[in-house]
Amino acid sequence: TIKLNSENLSLYKRIIEHYEKNKLKVIDGVIYINDRPANEYTFKMNYYFMMGDNRHNSLDSRFWGFVPEDHIIGKPIFIFLSLNNNERFPKKIRWERMFMKIKS
């Protein structure tokens, strides 16, 4: 459950309307969900912030928002490549992290 206000509504609007199929509108600064005034909202399912892999044209939750749990397919197994952008090659490669198993 989150508090809803005009500052954070844009973060949750897509979830409330699209994924959870509610009618959302704002009239004179008051938020209405399914024609009832609302200052908080309880989500029906879990949502996650998904981070991209930093490749060209890699989009993540900063672009398309939170991801519903039922949209997630698969899970990570290991770290393929880890780079330190503050270093130059070959120190740039974090050899100790490569092929590390992801703890779940």
Protein backbone atom coordinates (compact mmCIF):
# COMPACT_ATOMS: atom_id res chain seq x y z
CA THR A 1 0.00 0.00 0.00
CA ILE A 2 1.32 3.44 -0.95
CA LYS A 3 0.18 6.98 -0.26
CA LEU A 4 -1.02 8.64 -3.47
CA ASN A 5 -0.52 12.32 -4.22
CA SER A 6 0.02 14.56 -7.22
CA GLU A 7 3.82 14.18 -6.95
CA ASN A 8 3.95 10.36 -7.18
CA LEU A 9 0.83 9.62 -9.24
CA SER A 10 2.78 9.62 -12.51
CA LEU A 11 4.93 6.72 -11.19
CA TYR A 12 1.93 4.50 -10.50
CA LYS A 13 -0.68 5.66 -13.00
CA ARG A 14 0.14 3.04 -15.65
CA ILE A 15 0.04 0.22 -13.08
CA ILE A 16 -3.25 1.33 -11.58
CA GLU A 17 -4.98 1.86 -14.94
CA HIS A 18 -3.40 -0.60 -17.35
CA TYR A 19 -2.19 -3.59 -15.34
CA GLU A 20 -4.75 -3.53 -12.53
CA LYS A 21 -7.66 -2.35 -14.71
CA ASN A 22 -8.92 0.54 -12.58
CA LYS A 23 -10.52 3.77 -13.72
CA LEU A 24 -8.30 6.66 -12.60
CA LYS A 25 -8.95 10.37 -12.88
CA VAL A 26 -7.97 13.58 -11.13
CA ILE A 27 -10.62 16.27 -10.59
CA ASP A 28 -9.69 19.56 -8.87
CA GLY A 29 -6.57 17.96 -7.40
CA VAL A 30 -8.47 14.99 -5.93
CA ILE A 31 -7.48 11.51 -7.15
CA TYR A 32 -10.37 9.17 -7.94
CA ILE A 33 -9.97 5.42 -8.43
CA ASN A 34 -13.11 3.71 -9.71
CA ASP A 35 -15.10 6.88 -8.94
CA ARG A 36 -14.03 6.95 -5.27
CA PRO A 37 -11.65 9.52 -3.75
CA ALA A 38 -8.31 7.87 -2.97
CA ASN A 39 -5.24 9.03 -1.05
CA GLU A 40 -3.68 5.55 -0.97
CA TYR A 41 -3.61 2.46 -3.15
CA THR A 42 -3.00 -1.23 -2.40
CA PHE A 43 -1.49 -3.16 -5.30
CA LYS A 44 -3.09 -6.42 -6.37
CA MET A 45 0.22 -8.03 -7.39
CA ASN A 46 3.98 -7.48 -7.02
CA TYR A 47 5.90 -5.12 -9.33
CA TYR A 48 9.63 -4.92 -9.94
CA PHE A 49 12.18 -2.38 -11.12
CA MET A 50 14.12 -4.07 -13.91
CA MET A 51 17.62 -2.91 -14.75
CA GLY A 52 18.96 -3.14 -18.31
CA ASP A 53 22.31 -4.60 -19.29
CA ASN A 54 23.76 -1.23 -20.38
CA ARG A 55 24.00 -2.30 -24.04
CA HIS A 56 23.09 -0.13 -27.02
CA ASN A 57 19.33 0.45 -27.13
CA SER A 58 18.91 -1.30 -23.78
CA LEU A 59 15.78 -0.01 -22.12
CA ASP A 60 14.75 -0.75 -18.56
CA SER A 61 12.31 0.39 -15.88
CA ARG A 62 13.66 3.94 -16.10
CA PHE A 63 12.07 4.00 -19.57
CA TRP A 64 8.99 1.74 -19.35
CA GLY A 65 8.22 1.67 -15.61
CA PHE A 66 7.68 -1.12 -13.12
CA VAL A 67 7.17 -4.66 -14.42
CA PRO A 68 4.32 -6.85 -13.12
CA GLU A 69 5.48 -10.13 -11.60
CA ASP A 70 3.45 -12.16 -14.08
CA HIS A 71 5.38 -10.54 -16.97
CA ILE A 72 8.76 -11.84 -15.76
CA ILE A 73 9.95 -14.95 -17.57
CA GLY A 74 13.11 -16.66 -16.46
CA LYS A 75 15.72 -15.59 -13.96
CA PRO A 76 19.44 -14.78 -14.08
CA ILE A 77 21.88 -17.63 -13.56
CA PHE A 78 25.31 -16.01 -13.65
CA ILE A 79 27.19 -12.77 -14.37
CA PHE A 80 28.58 -12.98 -17.89
CA LEU A 81 30.62 -9.76 -17.93
CA SER A 82 31.25 -7.04 -15.35
CA LEU A 83 33.05 -3.82 -16.23
CA ASN A 84 34.40 -0.95 -14.17
CA ASN A 85 33.86 2.20 -16.23
CA ASN A 86 36.41 4.12 -14.13
CA GLU A 87 39.29 1.96 -15.34
CA ARG A 88 41.01 1.35 -18.66
CA PHE A 89 41.42 -1.99 -20.40
CA PRO A 90 42.49 -4.56 -19.12
CA LYS A 91 41.84 -3.35 -15.55
CA LYS A 92 38.34 -2.40 -16.72
CA ILE A 93 37.24 -6.06 -16.60
CA ARG A 94 36.19 -7.27 -13.16
CA TRP A 95 37.62 -10.77 -13.55
CA GLU A 96 36.59 -11.83 -10.04
CA ARG A 97 32.89 -11.29 -10.91
CA MET A 98 32.83 -13.00 -14.29
CA PHE A 99 30.73 -16.20 -14.39
CA MET A 100 29.76 -15.77 -10.72
CA LYS A 101 26.56 -17.61 -9.90
CA ILE A 102 23.64 -15.33 -8.98
CA LYS A 103 22.30 -15.97 -5.48
CA SER A 104 18.51 -16.31 -5.55
